[in-house]
PDB file of N, CA and C in Angstrom:
ATOM      1  N   MET A   1       0.844  -1.141   0.006  1.00  0.00           N
ATOM      2  CA  MET A   1       0.000   0.013   0.012  1.00  0.00           C
ATOM      3  C   MET A   1       0.855   1.224  -0.013  1.00  0.00           C
ATOM      4  N   LEU A   2       0.494   2.220  -0.814  1.00  0.00           N
ATOM      5  CA  LEU A   2       1.243   3.419  -0.922  1.00  0.00           C
ATOM      6  C   LEU A   2       0.361   4.618  -0.524  1.00  0.00           C
ATOM      7  N   THR A   3       0.935   5.597   0.099  1.00  0.00           N
ATOM      8  CA  THR A   3       0.181   6.757   0.484  1.00  0.00           C
ATOM      9  C   THR A   3       0.760   7.984  -0.314  1.00  0.00           C
ATOM     10  N   PHE A   4      -0.102   8.767  -0.847  1.00  0.00           N
ATOM     11  CA  PHE A   4       0.318   9.939  -1.660  1.00  0.00           C
ATOM     12  C   PHE A   4      -0.418  11.177  -1.237  1.00  0.00           C
ATOM     13  N   SER A   5       0.165  12.343  -1.506  1.00  0.00           N
ATOM     14  CA  SER A   5      -0.489  13.576  -1.358  1.00  0.00           C
ATOM     15  C   SER A   5      -1.519  13.735  -2.480  1.00  0.00           C
ATOM     16  N   TYR A   6      -2.375  14.700  -2.323  1.00  0.00           N
ATOM     17  CA  TYR A   6      -3.417  14.955  -3.321  1.00  0.00           C
ATOM     18  C   TYR A   6      -2.787  15.178  -4.708  1.00  0.00           C
ATOM     19  N   ARG A   7      -1.814  16.027  -4.783  1.00  0.00           N
ATOM     20  CA  ARG A   7      -1.194  16.334  -6.064  1.00  0.00           C
ATOM     21  C   ARG A   7      -0.579  15.132  -6.725  1.00  0.00           C
ATOM     22  N   VAL A   8       0.142  14.303  -5.979  1.00  0.00           N
ATOM     23  CA  VAL A   8       0.779  13.140  -6.493  1.00  0.00           C
ATOM     24  C   VAL A   8      -0.301  12.140  -6.881  1.00  0.00           C
ATOM     25  N   SER A   9      -1.374  12.020  -6.130  1.00  0.00           N
ATOM     26  CA  SER A   9      -2.445  11.111  -6.398  1.00  0.00           C
ATOM     27  C   SER A   9      -3.129  11.429  -7.771  1.00  0.00           C
ATOM     28  N   ALA A  10      -3.338  12.745  -8.015  1.00  0.00           N
ATOM     29  CA  ALA A  10      -3.960  13.148  -9.266  1.00  0.00           C
ATOM     30  C   ALA A  10      -3.065  12.770 -10.425  1.00  0.00           C
ATOM     31  N   TYR A  11      -1.757  12.899 -10.288  1.00  0.00           N
ATOM     32  CA  TYR A  11      -0.772  12.532 -11.307  1.00  0.00           C
ATOM     33  C   TYR A  11      -0.850  11.038 -11.572  1.00  0.00           C
ATOM     34  N   ILE A  12      -0.831  10.228 -10.513  1.00  0.00           N
ATOM     35  CA  ILE A  12      -0.843   8.767 -10.659  1.00  0.00           C
ATOM     36  C   ILE A  12      -2.167   8.366 -11.304  1.00  0.00           C
ATOM     37  N   LEU A  13      -3.261   8.909 -10.853  1.00  0.00           N
ATOM     38  CA  LEU A  13      -4.563   8.515 -11.473  1.00  0.00           C
ATOM     39  C   LEU A  13      -4.597   8.852 -13.029  1.00  0.00           C
ATOM     40  N   GLN A  14      -3.988   9.936 -13.423  1.00  0.00           N
ATOM     41  CA  GLN A  14      -3.905  10.250 -14.844  1.00  0.00           C
ATOM     42  C   GLN A  14      -3.099   9.207 -15.562  1.00  0.00           C
ATOM     43  N   LYS A  15      -1.987   8.777 -14.941  1.00  0.00           N
ATOM     44  CA  LYS A  15      -1.085   7.812 -15.629  1.00  0.00           C
ATOM     45  C   LYS A  15      -1.764   6.410 -15.722  1.00  0.00           C
ATOM     46  N   VAL A  16      -2.567   6.028 -14.758  1.00  0.00           N
ATOM     47  CA  VAL A  16      -3.184   4.687 -14.826  1.00  0.00           C
ATOM     48  C   VAL A  16      -4.593   4.689 -15.354  1.00  0.00           C
ATOM     49  N   LYS A  17      -5.086   5.860 -15.858  1.00  0.00           N
ATOM     50  CA  LYS A  17      -6.507   6.071 -16.253  1.00  0.00           C
ATOM     51  C   LYS A  17      -7.041   4.937 -17.175  1.00  0.00           C
ATOM     52  N   HIS A  18      -6.285   4.526 -18.142  1.00  0.00           N
ATOM     53  CA  HIS A  18      -6.813   3.544 -19.129  1.00  0.00           C
ATOM     54  C   HIS A  18      -6.109   2.191 -18.999  1.00  0.00           C
ATOM     55  N   LYS A  19      -5.606   1.930 -17.822  1.00  0.00           N
ATOM     56  CA  LYS A  19      -4.991   0.628 -17.606  1.00  0.00           C
ATOM     57  C   LYS A  19      -5.864  -0.227 -16.616  1.00  0.00           C
ATOM     58  N   ASN A  20      -5.688  -1.514 -16.717  1.00  0.00           N
ATOM     59  CA  ASN A  20      -6.491  -2.446 -15.863  1.00  0.00           C
ATOM     60  C   ASN A  20      -5.911  -2.458 -14.434  1.00  0.00           C
ATOM     61  N   ILE A  21      -6.076  -1.305 -13.786  1.00  0.00           N
ATOM     62  CA  ILE A  21      -5.586  -1.205 -12.428  1.00  0.00           C
ATOM     63  C   ILE A  21      -6.666  -0.769 -11.502  1.00  0.00           C
ATOM     64  N   LEU A  22      -6.805  -1.469 -10.406  1.00  0.00           N
ATOM     65  CA  LEU A  22      -7.819  -1.138  -9.393  1.00  0.00           C
ATOM     66  C   LEU A  22      -7.175  -0.155  -8.448  1.00  0.00           C
ATOM     67  N   THR A  23      -7.732   1.033  -8.313  1.00  0.00           N
ATOM     68  CA  THR A  23      -7.251   2.046  -7.370  1.00  0.00           C
ATOM     69  C   THR A  23      -8.183   2.107  -6.234  1.00  0.00           C
ATOM     70  N   ILE A  24      -7.627   2.210  -5.054  1.00  0.00           N
ATOM     71  CA  ILE A  24      -8.421   2.249  -3.794  1.00  0.00           C
ATOM     72  C   ILE A  24      -7.932   3.398  -2.936  1.00  0.00           C
ATOM     73  N   SER A  25      -8.854   4.146  -2.342  1.00  0.00           N
ATOM     74  CA  SER A  25      -8.512   5.288  -1.552  1.00  0.00           C
ATOM     75  C   SER A  25      -9.432   5.336  -0.311  1.00  0.00           C
ATOM     76  N   ASP A  26      -9.112   6.245   0.624  1.00  0.00           N
ATOM     77  CA  ASP A  26      -9.942   6.554   1.748  1.00  0.00           C
ATOM     78  C   ASP A  26      -9.980   8.059   1.968  1.00  0.00           C
ATOM     79  N   SER A  27      -9.824   8.773   0.819  1.00  0.00           N
ATOM     80  CA  SER A  27      -9.805  10.254   0.892  1.00  0.00           C
ATOM     81  C   SER A  27     -11.082  10.852   0.345  1.00  0.00           C
ATOM     82  N   LYS A  28     -11.686  11.733   1.102  1.00  0.00           N
ATOM     83  CA  LYS A  28     -12.949  12.369   0.679  1.00  0.00           C
ATOM     84  C   LYS A  28     -12.855  12.916  -0.682  1.00  0.00           C
ATOM     85  N   GLY A  29     -13.808  12.597  -1.533  1.00  0.00           N
ATOM     86  CA  GLY A  29     -13.964  13.194  -2.876  1.00  0.00           C
ATOM     87  C   GLY A  29     -13.088  12.467  -3.938  1.00  0.00           C
ATOM     88  N   PHE A  30     -12.300  11.476  -3.603  1.00  0.00           N
ATOM     89  CA  PHE A  30     -11.465  10.841  -4.603  1.00  0.00           C
ATOM     90  C   PHE A  30     -12.186  10.022  -5.544  1.00  0.00           C
ATOM     91  N   ALA A  31     -13.336   9.405  -5.201  1.00  0.00           N
ATOM     92  CA  ALA A  31     -14.110   8.646  -6.170  1.00  0.00           C
ATOM     93  C   ALA A  31     -14.542   9.546  -7.299  1.00  0.00           C
ATOM     94  N   ASP A  32     -14.897  10.816  -6.994  1.00  0.00           N
ATOM     95  CA  ASP A  32     -15.270  11.807  -8.019  1.00  0.00           C
ATOM     96  C   ASP A  32     -14.049  12.104  -8.996  1.00  0.00           C
ATOM     97  N   ARG A  33     -12.882  11.856  -8.521  1.00  0.00           N
ATOM     98  CA  ARG A  33     -11.698  12.228  -9.308  1.00  0.00           C
ATOM     99  C   ARG A  33     -11.094  11.055 -10.084  1.00  0.00           C
ATOM    100  N   GLY A  34     -11.676   9.849  -9.919  1.00  0.00           N
ATOM    101  CA  GLY A  34     -11.235   8.722 -10.781  1.00  0.00           C
ATOM    102  C   GLY A  34     -10.740   7.484 -10.032  1.00  0.00           C
ATOM    103  N   VAL A  35     -10.751   7.531  -8.715  1.00  0.00           N
ATOM    104  CA  VAL A  35     -10.406   6.293  -7.919  1.00  0.00           C
ATOM    105  C   VAL A  35     -11.556   5.291  -8.098  1.00  0.00           C
ATOM    106  N   THR A  36     -11.240   4.039  -8.349  1.00  0.00           N
ATOM    107  CA  THR A  36     -12.304   3.126  -8.564  1.00  0.00           C
ATOM    108  C   THR A  36     -13.090   2.760  -7.340  1.00  0.00           C
ATOM    109  N   ILE A  37     -12.427   2.538  -6.139  1.00  0.00           N
ATOM    110  CA  ILE A  37     -13.095   2.255  -4.927  1.00  0.00           C
ATOM    111  C   ILE A  37     -12.564   3.261  -3.834  1.00  0.00           C
ATOM    112  N   ASN A  38     -13.502   3.876  -3.134  1.00  0.00           N
ATOM    113  CA  ASN A  38     -13.117   4.868  -2.137  1.00  0.00           C
ATOM    114  C   ASN A  38     -13.906   4.608  -0.860  1.00  0.00           C
ATOM    115  N   PHE A  39     -13.167   4.341   0.263  1.00  0.00           N
ATOM    116  CA  PHE A  39     -13.801   4.169   1.535  1.00  0.00           C
ATOM    117  C   PHE A  39     -14.095   5.511   2.271  1.00  0.00           C
ATOM    118  N   ILE A  40     -15.320   5.654   2.812  1.00  0.00           N
ATOM    119  CA  ILE A  40     -15.703   6.882   3.437  1.00  0.00           C
ATOM    120  C   ILE A  40     -16.448   6.576   4.741  1.00  0.00           C
ATOM    121  N   SER A  41     -16.612   7.542   5.586  1.00  0.00           N
ATOM    122  CA  SER A  41     -17.443   7.453   6.776  1.00  0.00           C
ATOM    123  C   SER A  41     -18.776   8.161   6.534  1.00  0.00           C
ATOM    124  N   VAL A  42     -19.851   7.505   6.890  1.00  0.00           N
ATOM    125  CA  VAL A  42     -21.154   8.072   6.734  1.00  0.00           C
ATOM    126  C   VAL A  42     -21.893   7.815   8.056  1.00  0.00           C
ATOM    127  N   LYS A  43     -22.197   8.879   8.778  1.00  0.00           N
ATOM    128  CA  LYS A  43     -22.892   8.822  10.061  1.00  0.00           C
ATOM    129  C   LYS A  43     -22.178   7.827  11.009  1.00  0.00           C
ATOM    130  N   GLY A  44     -20.859   7.851  11.017  1.00  0.00           N
ATOM    131  CA  GLY A  44     -20.032   7.056  11.908  1.00  0.00           C
ATOM    132  C   GLY A  44     -19.822   5.606  11.435  1.00  0.00           C
ATOM    133  N   LYS A  45     -20.277   5.339  10.256  1.00  0.00           N
ATOM    134  CA  LYS A  45     -20.156   3.905   9.716  1.00  0.00           C
ATOM    135  C   LYS A  45     -19.264   3.974   8.525  1.00  0.00           C
ATOM    136  N   ARG A  46     -18.489   2.899   8.374  1.00  0.00           N
ATOM    137  CA  ARG A  46     -17.597   2.822   7.167  1.00  0.00           C
ATOM    138  C   ARG A  46     -18.426   2.241   5.977  1.00  0.00           C
ATOM    139  N   LYS A  47     -18.393   3.039   4.898  1.00  0.00           N
ATOM    140  CA  LYS A  47     -19.059   2.652   3.627  1.00  0.00           C
ATOM    141  C   LYS A  47     -17.996   2.790   2.525  1.00  0.00           C
ATOM    142  N   PHE A  48     -18.415   2.427   1.346  1.00  0.00           N
ATOM    143  CA  PHE A  48     -17.489   2.558   0.208  1.00  0.00           C
ATOM    144  C   PHE A  48     -18.272   3.001  -1.038  1.00  0.00           C
ATOM    145  N   GLU A  49     -17.524   3.787  -1.845  1.00  0.00           N
ATOM    146  CA  GLU A  49     -18.063   4.307  -3.117  1.00  0.00           C
ATOM    147  C   GLU A  49     -17.387   3.496  -4.257  1.00  0.00           C
ATOM    148  N   ILE A  50     -18.111   3.275  -5.292  1.00  0.00           N
ATOM    149  CA  ILE A  50     -17.527   2.671  -6.508  1.00  0.00           C
ATOM    150  C   ILE A  50     -17.753   3.699  -7.656  1.00  0.00           C
ATOM    151  N   ASN A  51     -16.721   4.081  -8.346  1.00  0.00           N
ATOM    152  CA  ASN A  51     -16.755   4.945  -9.485  1.00  0.00           C
ATOM    153  C   ASN A  51     -17.006   4.061 -10.691  1.00  0.00           C
ATOM    154  N   THR A  52     -18.188   4.071 -11.223  1.00  0.00           N
ATOM    155  CA  THR A  52     -18.528   3.138 -12.318  1.00  0.00           C
ATOM    156  C   THR A  52     -17.811   3.561 -13.609  1.00  0.00           C
ATOM    157  N   ASP A  53     -17.606   4.862 -13.803  1.00  0.00           N
ATOM    158  CA  ASP A  53     -16.794   5.329 -14.953  1.00  0.00           C
ATOM    159  C   ASP A  53     -15.396   4.790 -14.964  1.00  0.00           C
ATOM    160  N   ALA A  54     -14.749   4.852 -13.816  1.00  0.00           N
ATOM    161  CA  ALA A  54     -13.411   4.345 -13.671  1.00  0.00           C
ATOM    162  C   ALA A  54     -13.338   2.890 -13.774  1.00  0.00           C
ATOM    163  N   ILE A  55     -14.302   2.139 -13.285  1.00  0.00           N
ATOM    164  CA  ILE A  55     -14.357   0.671 -13.460  1.00  0.00           C
ATOM    165  C   ILE A  55     -14.491   0.338 -14.906  1.00  0.00           C
ATOM    166  N   ASP A  56     -15.372   0.993 -15.619  1.00  0.00           N
ATOM    167  CA  ASP A  56     -15.585   0.712 -17.073  1.00  0.00           C
ATOM    168  C   ASP A  56     -14.337   1.019 -17.895  1.00  0.00           C
ATOM    169  N   ARG A  57     -13.759   2.200 -17.591  1.00  0.00           N
ATOM    170  CA  ARG A  57     -12.535   2.602 -18.356  1.00  0.00           C
ATOM    171  C   ARG A  57     -11.364   1.692 -18.138  1.00  0.00           C
ATOM    172  N   ALA A  58     -11.248   1.104 -16.951  1.00  0.00           N
ATOM    173  CA  ALA A  58     -10.139   0.200 -16.671  1.00  0.00           C
ATOM    174  C   ALA A  58     -10.424  -1.216 -17.138  1.00  0.00           C
ATOM    175  N   GLY A  59     -11.625  -1.450 -17.650  1.00  0.00           N
ATOM    176  CA  GLY A  59     -11.971  -2.810 -18.134  1.00  0.00           C
ATOM    177  C   GLY A  59     -12.139  -3.811 -17.010  1.00  0.00           C
ATOM    178  N   LEU A  60     -12.508  -3.326 -15.859  1.00  0.00           N
ATOM    179  CA  LEU A  60     -12.662  -4.216 -14.683  1.00  0.00           C
ATOM    180  C   LEU A  60     -14.180  -4.664 -14.593  1.00  0.00           C
ATOM    181  N   ARG A  61     -14.414  -5.700 -13.901  1.00  0.00           N
ATOM    182  CA  ARG A  61     -15.816  -6.101 -13.654  1.00  0.00           C
ATOM    183  C   ARG A  61     -16.025  -6.144 -12.176  1.00  0.00           C
ATOM    184  N   VAL A  62     -17.239  -5.761 -11.749  1.00  0.00           N
ATOM    185  CA  VAL A  62     -17.628  -5.759 -10.313  1.00  0.00           C
ATOM    186  C   VAL A  62     -18.895  -6.614 -10.231  1.00  0.00           C
ATOM    187  N   SER A  63     -18.947  -7.444  -9.209  1.00  0.00           N
ATOM    188  CA  SER A  63     -20.132  -8.302  -9.014  1.00  0.00           C
ATOM    189  C   SER A  63     -21.355  -7.381  -8.753  1.00  0.00           C
ATOM    190  N   SER A  64     -22.528  -7.892  -9.133  1.00  0.00           N
ATOM    191  CA  SER A  64     -23.785  -7.097  -8.828  1.00  0.00           C
ATOM    192  C   SER A  64     -24.003  -7.002  -7.347  1.00  0.00           C
ATOM    193  N   GLN A  65     -23.614  -8.024  -6.573  1.00  0.00           N
ATOM    194  CA  GLN A  65     -23.774  -7.938  -5.127  1.00  0.00           C
ATOM    195  C   GLN A  65     -22.950  -6.868  -4.534  1.00  0.00           C
ATOM    196  N   LEU A  66     -21.706  -6.636  -5.007  1.00  0.00           N
ATOM    197  CA  LEU A  66     -20.881  -5.549  -4.495  1.00  0.00           C
ATOM    198  C   LEU A  66     -21.455  -4.213  -4.914  1.00  0.00           C
ATOM    199  N   LEU A  67     -21.942  -4.129  -6.126  1.00  0.00           N
ATOM    200  CA  LEU A  67     -22.549  -2.887  -6.590  1.00  0.00           C
ATOM    201  C   LEU A  67     -23.804  -2.467  -5.731  1.00  0.00           C
ATOM    202  N   LYS A  68     -24.553  -3.458  -5.293  1.00  0.00           N
ATOM    203  CA  LYS A  68     -25.735  -3.178  -4.470  1.00  0.00           C
ATOM    204  C   LYS A  68     -25.351  -2.592  -3.138  1.00  0.00           C
ATOM    205  N   LEU A  69     -24.177  -2.952  -2.587  1.00  0.00           N
ATOM    206  CA  LEU A  69     -23.722  -2.547  -1.275  1.00  0.00           C
ATOM    207  C   LEU A  69     -23.055  -1.123  -1.400  1.00  0.00           C
ATOM    208  N   ALA A  70     -22.633  -0.751  -2.560  1.00  0.00           N
ATOM    209  CA  ALA A  70     -21.779   0.461  -2.710  1.00  0.00           C
ATOM    210  C   ALA A  70     -22.663   1.689  -2.952  1.00  0.00           C
ATOM    211  N   ILE A  71     -22.024   2.843  -2.693  1.00  0.00           N
ATOM    212  CA  ILE A  71     -22.551   4.124  -3.156  1.00  0.00           C
ATOM    213  C   ILE A  71     -21.943   4.356  -4.512  1.00  0.00           C
ATOM    214  N   LEU A  72     -22.786   4.365  -5.529  1.00  0.00           N
ATOM    215  CA  LEU A  72     -22.305   4.514  -6.923  1.00  0.00           C
ATOM    216  C   LEU A  72     -22.011   5.997  -7.238  1.00  0.00           C
ATOM    217  N   VAL A  73     -20.842   6.209  -7.835  1.00  0.00           N
ATOM    218  CA  VAL A  73     -20.354   7.563  -8.121  1.00  0.00           C
ATOM    219  C   VAL A  73     -19.990   7.673  -9.626  1.00  0.00           C
ATOM    220  N   LYS A  74     -20.227   8.784 -10.210  1.00  0.00           N
ATOM    221  CA  LYS A  74     -19.729   9.099 -11.556  1.00  0.00           C
ATOM    222  C   LYS A  74     -18.707  10.241 -11.354  1.00  0.00           C
ATOM    223  N   GLU A  75     -17.767  10.297 -12.323  1.00  0.00           N
ATOM    224  CA  GLU A  75     -16.752  11.354 -12.200  1.00  0.00           C
ATOM    225  C   GLU A  75     -17.370  12.720 -12.401  1.00  0.00           C
ATOM    226  N   LYS A  76     -16.717  13.663 -11.785  1.00  0.00           N
ATOM    227  CA  LYS A  76     -17.149  15.076 -11.899  1.00  0.00           C
ATOM    228  C   LYS A  76     -17.233  15.457 -13.395  1.00  0.00           C
ATOM    229  N   GLY A  77     -18.347  16.113 -13.716  1.00  0.00           N
ATOM    230  CA  GLY A  77     -18.524  16.564 -15.078  1.00  0.00           C
ATOM    231  C   GLY A  77     -19.164  15.584 -16.001  1.00  0.00           C
ATOM    232  N   LYS A  78     -19.400  14.323 -15.497  1.00  0.00           N
ATOM    233  CA  LYS A  78     -19.999  13.264 -16.363  1.00  0.00           C
ATOM    234  C   LYS A  78     -21.391  12.872 -15.914  1.00  0.00           C
ATOM    235  N   GLN A  79     -22.005  13.647 -14.967  1.00  0.00           N
ATOM    236  CA  GLN A  79     -23.310  13.213 -14.395  1.00  0.00           C
ATOM    237  C   GLN A  79     -24.443  13.609 -15.198  1.00  0.00           C
TER     238      GLN A  79
END
């Protein structure tokens, strides 16, 4: 696991944008910016977001059961 600053993360996301790489974060707003799975806190509970645009672009598949549990997110500007 690697930890990056916001600026470095944006650079890395741009570099892996069209590759079959699963990116995971726990930073607020990162699902909107292209991370495929982002863990967040909602009312004191741990939840996760899935960016469906990033999943599709990376050529990854997610089970329907996992999608039902997730908060589905589209990238900024694509809603």
